[in-house]
C-alpha atoms as a PDB file:
ATOM      1  CA  MET A   1     -16.734  30.247 -24.580  1.00  0.00           C
ATOM      2  CA  LYS A   2     -15.449  31.077 -28.039  1.00  0.00           C
ATOM      3  CA  LYS A   3     -15.812  27.982 -30.215  1.00  0.00           C
ATOM      4  CA  CYS A   4     -18.642  25.458 -30.498  1.00  0.00           C
ATOM      5  CA  LEU A   5     -18.905  22.248 -32.498  1.00  0.00           C
ATOM      6  CA  ILE A   6     -22.401  21.142 -33.565  1.00  0.00           C
ATOM      7  CA  ILE A   7     -22.826  17.477 -34.496  1.00  0.00           C
ATOM      8  CA  ILE A   8     -25.549  16.975 -37.094  1.00  0.00           C
ATOM      9  CA  ASN A   9     -27.175  13.534 -37.174  1.00  0.00           C
ATOM     10  CA  THR A  10     -27.852  12.993 -40.868  1.00  0.00           C
ATOM     11  CA  HIS A  11     -30.680  10.544 -40.103  1.00  0.00           C
ATOM     12  CA  LYS A  12     -32.706  13.307 -38.414  1.00  0.00           C
ATOM     13  CA  LYS A  13     -34.285  15.585 -41.023  1.00  0.00           C
ATOM     14  CA  GLU A  14     -34.699  18.528 -38.666  1.00  0.00           C
ATOM     15  CA  SER A  15     -31.121  18.342 -37.383  1.00  0.00           C
ATOM     16  CA  GLU A  16     -29.495  20.601 -40.005  1.00  0.00           C
ATOM     17  CA  LYS A  17     -32.234  23.228 -39.818  1.00  0.00           C
ATOM     18  CA  LEU A  18     -32.012  23.378 -36.035  1.00  0.00           C
ATOM     19  CA  GLY A  19     -28.223  23.540 -36.246  1.00  0.00           C
ATOM     20  CA  ASN A  20     -28.417  26.671 -38.386  1.00  0.00           C
ATOM     21  CA  ARG A  21     -30.832  28.266 -35.916  1.00  0.00           C
ATOM     22  CA  ILE A  22     -28.431  27.565 -33.067  1.00  0.00           C
ATOM     23  CA  LYS A  23     -25.529  28.953 -35.091  1.00  0.00           C
ATOM     24  CA  ALA A  24     -27.422  32.220 -35.619  1.00  0.00           C
ATOM     25  CA  PHE A  25     -28.295  32.294 -31.920  1.00  0.00           C
ATOM     26  CA  LEU A  26     -24.659  31.810 -30.839  1.00  0.00           C
ATOM     27  CA  LYS A  27     -23.506  34.583 -33.173  1.00  0.00           C
ATOM     28  CA  ASP A  28     -25.033  37.072 -30.714  1.00  0.00           C
ATOM     29  CA  TYR A  29     -22.644  35.645 -28.108  1.00  0.00           C
ATOM     30  CA  SER A  30     -19.682  36.006 -30.499  1.00  0.00           C
ATOM     31  CA  ILE A  31     -19.248  32.229 -30.506  1.00  0.00           C
ATOM     32  CA  GLU A  32     -17.767  30.657 -33.649  1.00  0.00           C
ATOM     33  CA  VAL A  33     -19.630  27.539 -34.803  1.00  0.00           C
ATOM     34  CA  SER A  34     -18.405  24.564 -36.838  1.00  0.00           C
ATOM     35  CA  PHE A  35     -20.428  21.585 -38.051  1.00  0.00           C
ATOM     36  CA  ILE A  36     -19.662  17.910 -38.536  1.00  0.00           C
ATOM     37  CA  SER A  37     -22.041  15.219 -39.798  1.00  0.00           C
ATOM     38  CA  PHE A  38     -22.652  11.939 -37.979  1.00  0.00           C
ATOM     39  CA  ASN A  39     -24.320   9.040 -39.752  1.00  0.00           C
ATOM     40  CA  GLY A  40     -23.773   6.301 -37.180  1.00  0.00           C
ATOM     41  CA  GLY A  41     -20.746   4.907 -38.960  1.00  0.00           C
ATOM     42  CA  ASP A  42     -18.008   7.550 -38.928  1.00  0.00           C
ATOM     43  CA  PHE A  43     -16.072   7.249 -35.693  1.00  0.00           C
ATOM     44  CA  ASN A  44     -13.179   9.647 -36.236  1.00  0.00           C
ATOM     45  CA  TYR A  45     -12.950  12.238 -33.493  1.00  0.00           C
ATOM     46  CA  HIS A  46     -11.710  15.728 -34.365  1.00  0.00           C
ATOM     47  CA  PHE A  47     -12.931  17.787 -31.419  1.00  0.00           C
ATOM     48  CA  ASP A  48      -9.709  19.549 -30.423  1.00  0.00           C
ATOM     49  CA  GLY A  49      -9.920  23.312 -29.960  1.00  0.00           C
ATOM     50  CA  PHE A  50     -13.622  23.541 -29.127  1.00  0.00           C
ATOM     51  CA  ASP A  51     -15.043  24.834 -25.843  1.00  0.00           C
ATOM     52  CA  PHE A  52     -18.241  22.773 -25.984  1.00  0.00           C
ATOM     53  CA  VAL A  53     -20.116  20.398 -28.273  1.00  0.00           C
ATOM     54  CA  ILE A  54     -23.826  20.398 -29.127  1.00  0.00           C
ATOM     55  CA  THR A  55     -25.375  17.160 -30.382  1.00  0.00           C
ATOM     56  CA  LEU A  56     -28.513  17.133 -32.532  1.00  0.00           C
ATOM     57  CA  GLY A  57     -29.805  13.575 -32.585  1.00  0.00           C
ATOM     58  CA  GLY A  58     -30.554  10.778 -30.166  1.00  0.00           C
ATOM     59  CA  ASP A  59     -28.526   8.979 -27.515  1.00  0.00           C
ATOM     60  CA  GLY A  60     -26.280   7.390 -30.158  1.00  0.00           C
ATOM     61  CA  THR A  61     -25.080  10.837 -31.211  1.00  0.00           C
ATOM     62  CA  VAL A  62     -24.324  11.640 -27.575  1.00  0.00           C
ATOM     63  CA  LEU A  63     -22.305   8.426 -27.189  1.00  0.00           C
ATOM     64  CA  TYR A  64     -20.221   9.462 -30.203  1.00  0.00           C
ATOM     65  CA  ALA A  65     -19.632  12.933 -28.787  1.00  0.00           C
ATOM     66  CA  CYS A  66     -18.714  11.656 -25.323  1.00  0.00           C
ATOM     67  CA  ARG A  67     -16.066   9.326 -26.726  1.00  0.00           C
ATOM     68  CA  GLY A  68     -14.535  12.190 -28.693  1.00  0.00           C
ATOM     69  CA  CYS A  69     -14.709  14.690 -25.831  1.00  0.00           C
ATOM     70  CA  LEU A  70     -13.602  12.415 -22.998  1.00  0.00           C
ATOM     71  CA  HIS A  71      -9.854  13.059 -22.963  1.00  0.00           C
ATOM     72  CA  LEU A  72     -10.328  16.735 -23.836  1.00  0.00           C
ATOM     73  CA  GLY A  73     -12.702  17.452 -20.938  1.00  0.00           C
ATOM     74  CA  ILE A  74     -15.158  19.188 -23.272  1.00  0.00           C
ATOM     75  CA  PRO A  75     -18.787  19.419 -22.042  1.00  0.00           C
ATOM     76  CA  VAL A  76     -21.533  17.996 -24.261  1.00  0.00           C
ATOM     77  CA  PHE A  77     -24.849  19.822 -24.654  1.00  0.00           C
ATOM     78  CA  PRO A  78     -27.250  17.093 -25.925  1.00  0.00           C
ATOM     79  CA  ILE A  79     -30.478  18.111 -27.687  1.00  0.00           C
ATOM     80  CA  ASN A  80     -32.792  15.144 -28.144  1.00  0.00           C
ATOM     81  CA  LEU A  81     -34.166  14.475 -31.608  1.00  0.00           C
ATOM     82  CA  GLY A  82     -34.405  10.732 -30.992  1.00  0.00           C
ATOM     83  CA  GLU A  83     -36.939   8.383 -29.447  1.00  0.00           C
ATOM     84  CA  PHE A  84     -35.873   7.807 -25.838  1.00  0.00           C
ATOM     85  CA  GLY A  85     -33.423  10.480 -24.789  1.00  0.00           C
ATOM     86  CA  PHE A  86     -32.109   8.947 -21.580  1.00  0.00           C
ATOM     87  CA  ILE A  87     -28.792  10.748 -22.123  1.00  0.00           C
ATOM     88  CA  ALA A  88     -29.925  13.471 -24.524  1.00  0.00           C
ATOM     89  CA  GLY A  89     -31.976  15.162 -21.845  1.00  0.00           C
ATOM     90  CA  ILE A  90     -32.655  18.541 -23.485  1.00  0.00           C
ATOM     91  CA  GLN A  91     -35.791  18.536 -25.618  1.00  0.00           C
ATOM     92  CA  LYS A  92     -35.881  20.396 -28.920  1.00  0.00           C
ATOM     93  CA  ASP A  93     -38.461  22.920 -27.687  1.00  0.00           C
ATOM     94  CA  GLU A  94     -36.362  23.937 -24.675  1.00  0.00           C
ATOM     95  CA  TRP A  95     -32.853  24.222 -26.114  1.00  0.00           C
ATOM     96  CA  GLU A  96     -32.721  28.033 -26.095  1.00  0.00           C
ATOM     97  CA  GLU A  97     -33.454  28.485 -22.397  1.00  0.00           C
ATOM     98  CA  ASN A  98     -31.047  25.706 -21.468  1.00  0.00           C
ATOM     99  CA  LEU A  99     -28.325  27.069 -23.731  1.00  0.00           C
ATOM    100  CA  VAL A 100     -28.607  30.559 -22.207  1.00  0.00           C
ATOM    101  CA  ASN A 101     -28.281  29.056 -18.725  1.00  0.00           C
ATOM    102  CA  PHE A 102     -25.256  27.061 -19.823  1.00  0.00           C
ATOM    103  CA  LEU A 103     -23.510  30.029 -21.401  1.00  0.00           C
ATOM    104  CA  GLU A 104     -24.163  32.118 -18.299  1.00  0.00           C
ATOM    105  CA  GLY A 105     -22.722  29.433 -16.037  1.00  0.00           C
ATOM    106  CA  LYS A 106     -26.048  28.556 -14.415  1.00  0.00           C
ATOM    107  CA  SER A 107     -26.260  24.930 -15.585  1.00  0.00           C
ATOM    108  CA  LYS A 108     -24.873  22.024 -13.616  1.00  0.00           C
ATOM    109  CA  ILE A 109     -22.534  19.842 -15.644  1.00  0.00           C
ATOM    110  CA  GLU A 110     -23.181  16.201 -14.760  1.00  0.00           C
ATOM    111  CA  GLU A 111     -20.246  13.776 -14.775  1.00  0.00           C
ATOM    112  CA  ARG A 112     -20.864  10.202 -15.888  1.00  0.00           C
ATOM    113  CA  THR A 113     -18.457   7.280 -15.614  1.00  0.00           C
ATOM    114  CA  MET A 114     -17.168   5.807 -18.850  1.00  0.00           C
ATOM    115  CA  ILE A 115     -15.437   2.457 -19.246  1.00  0.00           C
ATOM    116  CA  LEU A 116     -12.164   1.524 -20.893  1.00  0.00           C
ATOM    117  CA  VAL A 117     -12.294  -1.692 -22.918  1.00  0.00           C
ATOM    118  CA  ASN A 118      -9.172  -3.555 -24.025  1.00  0.00           C
ATOM    119  CA  VAL A 119      -8.716  -6.735 -26.036  1.00  0.00           C
ATOM    120  CA  ILE A 120      -5.468  -8.521 -25.200  1.00  0.00           C
ATOM    121  CA  ARG A 121      -4.155 -11.191 -27.570  1.00  0.00           C
ATOM    122  CA  ASP A 122      -0.891 -13.039 -26.967  1.00  0.00           C
ATOM    123  CA  GLY A 123       0.024 -10.499 -24.306  1.00  0.00           C
ATOM    124  CA  LYS A 124      -0.522  -7.467 -26.558  1.00  0.00           C
ATOM    125  CA  VAL A 125      -3.376  -4.943 -26.609  1.00  0.00           C
ATOM    126  CA  VAL A 126      -4.901  -5.252 -30.078  1.00  0.00           C
ATOM    127  CA  TYR A 127      -7.976  -3.070 -29.491  1.00  0.00           C
ATOM    128  CA  THR A 128      -8.877  -0.292 -27.071  1.00  0.00           C
ATOM    129  CA  GLU A 129     -11.910   1.981 -26.842  1.00  0.00           C
ATOM    130  CA  ASN A 130     -13.938   3.981 -24.338  1.00  0.00           C
ATOM    131  CA  ALA A 131     -17.690   3.674 -23.884  1.00  0.00           C
ATOM    132  CA  LEU A 132     -20.415   5.518 -22.019  1.00  0.00           C
ATOM    133  CA  ASN A 133     -23.012   2.726 -22.268  1.00  0.00           C
ATOM    134  CA  ASP A 134     -21.596  -0.758 -22.550  1.00  0.00           C
ATOM    135  CA  ALA A 135     -19.350  -3.451 -23.955  1.00  0.00           C
ATOM    136  CA  VAL A 136     -21.063  -6.548 -25.342  1.00  0.00           C
ATOM    137  CA  ILE A 137     -19.464  -9.925 -26.029  1.00  0.00           C
ATOM    138  CA  SER A 138     -21.684 -12.284 -28.004  1.00  0.00           C
ATOM    139  CA  ALA A 139     -21.569 -15.278 -30.310  1.00  0.00           C
ATOM    140  CA  GLU A 140     -20.724 -14.379 -33.896  1.00  0.00           C
ATOM    141  CA  THR A 141     -23.720 -16.276 -35.283  1.00  0.00           C
ATOM    142  CA  VAL A 142     -27.334 -16.370 -34.193  1.00  0.00           C
ATOM    143  CA  ALA A 143     -28.495 -19.243 -31.959  1.00  0.00           C
ATOM    144  CA  SER A 144     -24.944 -19.989 -30.801  1.00  0.00           C
ATOM    145  CA  THR A 145     -23.372 -19.828 -27.372  1.00  0.00           C
ATOM    146  CA  THR A 146     -20.050 -18.601 -26.032  1.00  0.00           C
ATOM    147  CA  LEU A 147     -17.969 -20.064 -23.219  1.00  0.00           C
ATOM    148  CA  LEU A 148     -16.414 -17.350 -21.080  1.00  0.00           C
ATOM    149  CA  ASP A 149     -14.175 -17.410 -18.018  1.00  0.00           C
ATOM    150  CA  ILE A 150     -14.950 -14.280 -15.998  1.00  0.00           C
ATOM    151  CA  ALA A 151     -13.133 -12.711 -13.050  1.00  0.00           C
ATOM    152  CA  SER A 152     -13.415  -9.500 -11.046  1.00  0.00           C
ATOM    153  CA  ASN A 153     -10.146  -8.048  -9.737  1.00  0.00           C
ATOM    154  CA  ASN A 154      -8.564 -11.447 -10.440  1.00  0.00           C
ATOM    155  CA  ILE A 155     -11.178 -13.185  -8.254  1.00  0.00           C
ATOM    156  CA  PRO A 156     -12.785 -15.970 -10.348  1.00  0.00           C
ATOM    157  CA  LEU A 157     -16.536 -15.677 -10.860  1.00  0.00           C
ATOM    158  CA  GLY A 158     -16.762 -18.875 -12.873  1.00  0.00           C
ATOM    159  CA  GLN A 159     -17.277 -20.090 -16.399  1.00  0.00           C
ATOM    160  CA  PHE A 160     -20.356 -18.754 -18.161  1.00  0.00           C
ATOM    161  CA  LYS A 161     -22.025 -20.553 -21.048  1.00  0.00           C
ATOM    162  CA  ALA A 162     -24.391 -18.061 -22.667  1.00  0.00           C
ATOM    163  CA  ASP A 163     -25.181 -16.176 -25.852  1.00  0.00           C
ATOM    164  CA  GLY A 164     -22.795 -13.614 -24.386  1.00  0.00           C
ATOM    165  CA  VAL A 165     -22.459 -10.983 -21.656  1.00  0.00           C
ATOM    166  CA  ILE A 166     -22.962  -7.227 -21.310  1.00  0.00           C
ATOM    167  CA  VAL A 167     -20.782  -5.028 -19.122  1.00  0.00           C
ATOM    168  CA  SER A 168     -22.541  -1.714 -18.675  1.00  0.00           C
ATOM    169  CA  THR A 169     -22.126   1.508 -16.754  1.00  0.00           C
ATOM    170  CA  ALA A 170     -24.914   2.937 -14.621  1.00  0.00           C
ATOM    171  CA  THR A 171     -25.749   5.170 -17.586  1.00  0.00           C
ATOM    172  CA  GLY A 172     -25.878   2.139 -19.884  1.00  0.00           C
ATOM    173  CA  SER A 173     -28.044   0.111 -17.511  1.00  0.00           C
ATOM    174  CA  THR A 174     -31.158   1.411 -19.315  1.00  0.00           C
ATOM    175  CA  ALA A 175     -29.844   0.331 -22.733  1.00  0.00           C
ATOM    176  CA  TYR A 176     -29.186  -3.254 -23.900  1.00  0.00           C
ATOM    177  CA  SER A 177     -28.627  -4.488 -20.344  1.00  0.00           C
ATOM    178  CA  VAL A 178     -32.145  -3.757 -19.106  1.00  0.00           C
ATOM    179  CA  SER A 179     -33.690  -5.445 -22.159  1.00  0.00           C
ATOM    180  CA  ALA A 180     -31.659  -8.555 -21.240  1.00  0.00           C
ATOM    181  CA  GLY A 181     -33.014  -8.556 -17.687  1.00  0.00           C
ATOM    182  CA  GLY A 182     -30.384  -6.396 -16.018  1.00  0.00           C
ATOM    183  CA  PRO A 183     -31.160  -3.933 -13.211  1.00  0.00           C
ATOM    184  CA  ILE A 184     -31.887  -0.241 -13.709  1.00  0.00           C
ATOM    185  CA  ILE A 185     -29.141   1.703 -11.930  1.00  0.00           C
ATOM    186  CA  ASP A 186     -29.673   5.262 -10.757  1.00  0.00           C
ATOM    187  CA  PRO A 187     -27.002   7.199 -12.719  1.00  0.00           C
ATOM    188  CA  GLU A 188     -25.915   8.954  -9.521  1.00  0.00           C
ATOM    189  CA  LEU A 189     -24.975   5.516  -8.132  1.00  0.00           C
ATOM    190  CA  ASP A 190     -21.692   4.656  -9.812  1.00  0.00           C
ATOM    191  CA  ALA A 191     -21.386   0.960 -10.691  1.00  0.00           C
ATOM    192  CA  LEU A 192     -20.505  -1.651 -13.294  1.00  0.00           C
ATOM    193  CA  VAL A 193     -23.161  -4.208 -14.248  1.00  0.00           C
ATOM    194  CA  LEU A 194     -22.481  -7.687 -15.656  1.00  0.00           C
ATOM    195  CA  THR A 195     -25.562  -9.086 -17.415  1.00  0.00           C
ATOM    196  CA  PRO A 196     -25.491 -12.576 -18.993  1.00  0.00           C
ATOM    197  CA  LEU A 197     -27.292 -12.972 -22.328  1.00  0.00           C
ATOM    198  CA  ASN A 198     -29.550 -16.032 -22.299  1.00  0.00           C
ATOM    199  CA  PRO A 199     -27.305 -18.016 -19.927  1.00  0.00           C
ATOM    200  CA  PHE A 200     -27.355 -21.804 -20.065  1.00  0.00           C
ATOM    201  CA  SER A 201     -28.027 -21.965 -16.323  1.00  0.00           C
ATOM    202  CA  LEU A 202     -30.818 -20.852 -14.025  1.00  0.00           C
ATOM    203  CA  SER A 203     -28.208 -19.701 -11.506  1.00  0.00           C
ATOM    204  CA  ALA A 204     -26.604 -17.063 -13.731  1.00  0.00           C
ATOM    205  CA  ARG A 205     -27.958 -13.663 -12.733  1.00  0.00           C
ATOM    206  CA  PRO A 206     -26.837 -10.075 -13.279  1.00  0.00           C
ATOM    207  CA  LEU A 207     -24.139  -8.806 -10.924  1.00  0.00           C
ATOM    208  CA  VAL A 208     -23.452  -5.232  -9.810  1.00  0.00           C
ATOM    209  CA  PHE A 209     -19.827  -4.316  -9.065  1.00  0.00           C
ATOM    210  CA  ASN A 210     -17.917  -1.519  -7.438  1.00  0.00           C
ATOM    211  CA  PRO A 211     -16.974   0.970 -10.203  1.00  0.00           C
ATOM    212  CA  ASP A 212     -13.288   0.517  -9.345  1.00  0.00           C
ATOM    213  CA  SER A 213     -13.474  -3.160 -10.293  1.00  0.00           C
ATOM    214  CA  THR A 214     -11.712  -4.585 -13.323  1.00  0.00           C
ATOM    215  CA  LEU A 215     -13.679  -7.311 -15.089  1.00  0.00           C
ATOM    216  CA  SER A 216     -11.662  -9.841 -17.080  1.00  0.00           C
ATOM    217  CA  ILE A 217     -13.383 -12.044 -19.644  1.00  0.00           C
ATOM    218  CA  ARG A 218     -11.388 -14.779 -21.389  1.00  0.00           C
ATOM    219  CA  MET A 219     -12.581 -16.651 -24.470  1.00  0.00           C
ATOM    220  CA  LEU A 220     -12.559 -20.409 -23.847  1.00  0.00           C
ATOM    221  CA  PRO A 221     -12.538 -23.194 -26.484  1.00  0.00           C
ATOM    222  CA  ASN A 222     -16.078 -23.674 -27.738  1.00  0.00           C
ATOM    223  CA  ARG A 223     -16.233 -26.089 -30.711  1.00  0.00           C
ATOM    224  CA  ASP A 224     -14.769 -23.553 -33.125  1.00  0.00           C
ATOM    225  CA  LYS A 225     -17.567 -21.101 -32.426  1.00  0.00           C
ATOM    226  CA  LYS A 226     -16.349 -17.520 -32.625  1.00  0.00           C
ATOM    227  CA  ALA A 227     -17.346 -14.470 -30.628  1.00  0.00           C
ATOM    228  CA  VAL A 228     -17.475 -10.731 -31.298  1.00  0.00           C
ATOM    229  CA  LEU A 229     -17.164  -7.583 -29.224  1.00  0.00           C
ATOM    230  CA  THR A 230     -19.082  -4.354 -29.742  1.00  0.00           C
ATOM    231  CA  VAL A 231     -18.467  -1.221 -27.702  1.00  0.00           C
ATOM    232  CA  ASP A 232     -21.253   1.396 -27.608  1.00  0.00           C
ATOM    233  CA  GLY A 233     -22.566   0.004 -30.890  1.00  0.00           C
ATOM    234  CA  LEU A 234     -19.254   0.454 -32.746  1.00  0.00           C
ATOM    235  CA  PRO A 235     -18.304  -1.982 -35.543  1.00  0.00           C
ATOM    236  CA  LEU A 236     -17.787  -5.567 -34.396  1.00  0.00           C
ATOM    237  CA  VAL A 237     -14.372  -6.787 -33.264  1.00  0.00           C
ATOM    238  CA  LYS A 238     -13.744 -10.505 -33.796  1.00  0.00           C
ATOM    239  CA  LEU A 239     -12.588 -12.450 -30.752  1.00  0.00           C
ATOM    240  CA  PHE A 240     -10.658 -15.701 -30.762  1.00  0.00           C
ATOM    241  CA  GLU A 241      -9.848 -18.486 -28.319  1.00  0.00           C
ATOM    242  CA  LYS A 242      -7.680 -17.270 -25.392  1.00  0.00           C
ATOM    243  CA  ASP A 243      -8.401 -13.589 -26.122  1.00  0.00           C
ATOM    244  CA  LEU A 244      -8.810 -11.568 -22.935  1.00  0.00           C
ATOM    245  CA  VAL A 245     -11.251  -8.653 -22.723  1.00  0.00           C
ATOM    246  CA  THR A 246     -10.780  -6.290 -19.778  1.00  0.00           C
ATOM    247  CA  VAL A 247     -13.293  -3.652 -18.728  1.00  0.00           C
ATOM    248  CA  CYS A 248     -12.578  -1.006 -16.109  1.00  0.00           C
ATOM    249  CA  LYS A 249     -13.474   2.574 -15.292  1.00  0.00           C
ATOM    250  CA  ALA A 250     -11.932   5.169 -17.608  1.00  0.00           C
ATOM    251  CA  GLU A 251      -9.617   7.720 -16.002  1.00  0.00           C
ATOM    252  CA  LYS A 252     -11.862  10.643 -16.954  1.00  0.00           C
ATOM    253  CA  LYS A 253     -15.625  11.106 -16.964  1.00  0.00           C
ATOM    254  CA  ALA A 254     -18.056  12.341 -19.593  1.00  0.00           C
ATOM    255  CA  ARG A 255     -19.336  15.869 -18.919  1.00  0.00           C
ATOM    256  CA  LEU A 256     -23.001  16.328 -19.834  1.00  0.00           C
ATOM    257  CA  VAL A 257     -25.377  19.281 -19.636  1.00  0.00           C
ATOM    258  CA  GLY A 258     -29.076  18.786 -18.897  1.00  0.00           C
ATOM    259  CA  THR A 259     -28.949  15.117 -17.905  1.00  0.00           C
ATOM    260  CA  THR A 260     -30.533  15.602 -14.500  1.00  0.00           C
ATOM    261  CA  ILE A 261     -31.804  12.784 -12.308  1.00  0.00           C
ATOM    262  CA  GLU A 262     -35.343  14.185 -12.665  1.00  0.00           C
ATOM    263  CA  LYS A 263     -35.155  13.810 -16.440  1.00  0.00           C
ATOM    264  CA  PHE A 264     -33.840  10.272 -16.019  1.00  0.00           C
ATOM    265  CA  TYR A 265     -36.864   9.180 -13.985  1.00  0.00           C
ATOM    266  CA  ASN A 266     -39.245  11.064 -16.274  1.00  0.00           C
ATOM    267  CA  ALA A 267     -37.794   9.071 -19.185  1.00  0.00           C
ATOM    268  CA  LEU A 268     -38.440   5.836 -17.275  1.00  0.00           C
ATOM    269  CA  ARG A 269     -42.038   6.798 -16.551  1.00  0.00           C
ATOM    270  CA  PHE A 270     -43.100   8.303 -19.858  1.00  0.00           C
ATOM    271  CA  LYS A 271     -40.899   6.480 -22.397  1.00  0.00           C
ATOM    272  CA  LEU A 272     -40.490   3.004 -20.858  1.00  0.00           C
ATOM    273  CA  ASN A 273     -43.883   3.080 -19.074  1.00  0.00           C
ATOM    274  CA  TRP A 274     -42.227   2.318 -15.745  1.00  0.00           C
ATOM    275  CA  ALA A 275     -44.857   2.645 -13.028  1.00  0.00           C
ATOM    276  CA  GLY A 276     -45.851   1.439  -9.599  1.00  0.00           C
ATOM    277  CA  GLY A 277     -48.946  -0.550 -10.500  1.00  0.00           C
ATOM    278  CA  PRO A 278     -51.289  -1.690 -13.271  1.00  0.00           C
ATOM    279  CA  HIS A 279     -53.227   1.594 -13.246  1.00  0.00           C
ATOM    280  CA  ALA A 280     -50.359   3.991 -12.439  1.00  0.00           C
END
């Protein structure tokens, strides 16, 4: 380990101060440190040449880092300065111990499936992006519906009239999907989840797919109503009639430090108040 990139979330006041402390700490290990700032809107990835990346922020900062590190195979060391920390599993008061373990090769690096999202228009790919959490197709305006023709591995699932749909990974099942009524998936159980958003049918329910599935979602004519796509909270992509959105497993996986299954269930219990009974 010779070079480290620290991502500073500019919305977290303590992020820069903690980054400087970590830089001083890594100097004793003869590790060169560089900084970049992340404000939630800059999605250029310049991570080449680094041995590992430290994120100082919440889960959104981790999503940014994982997209940039995916094809490089760089591990991400996520320190949580956010609210939930489902992915950023290392708390700010325990970073030093965890970092020592990581540098000494004692930490397990968890691998999480990411998805590849393509928009195909007139037979050409006009947009492509990877995501750790989810891809969301929704109506462009509030209180509108979309009409979507959905298939899995070319097997028709039917036409869905809804505010939209979410395709999430197991990691992303605790994000937008769960708030829309989707299932919570243990991150060690690899899967893709299709969750309708306010479907215009009582029969439309979330579906869990084999992670090797390819979901195909085609935009159908819908009284000139337009739809949009957002991938891991990135800027909206406008969708038009006959556009095809495909979602499948990315070739490589995100590599995360400190995102153990124990921390996942602790986050459910203490941050989402998940419990076994009214007095649990």
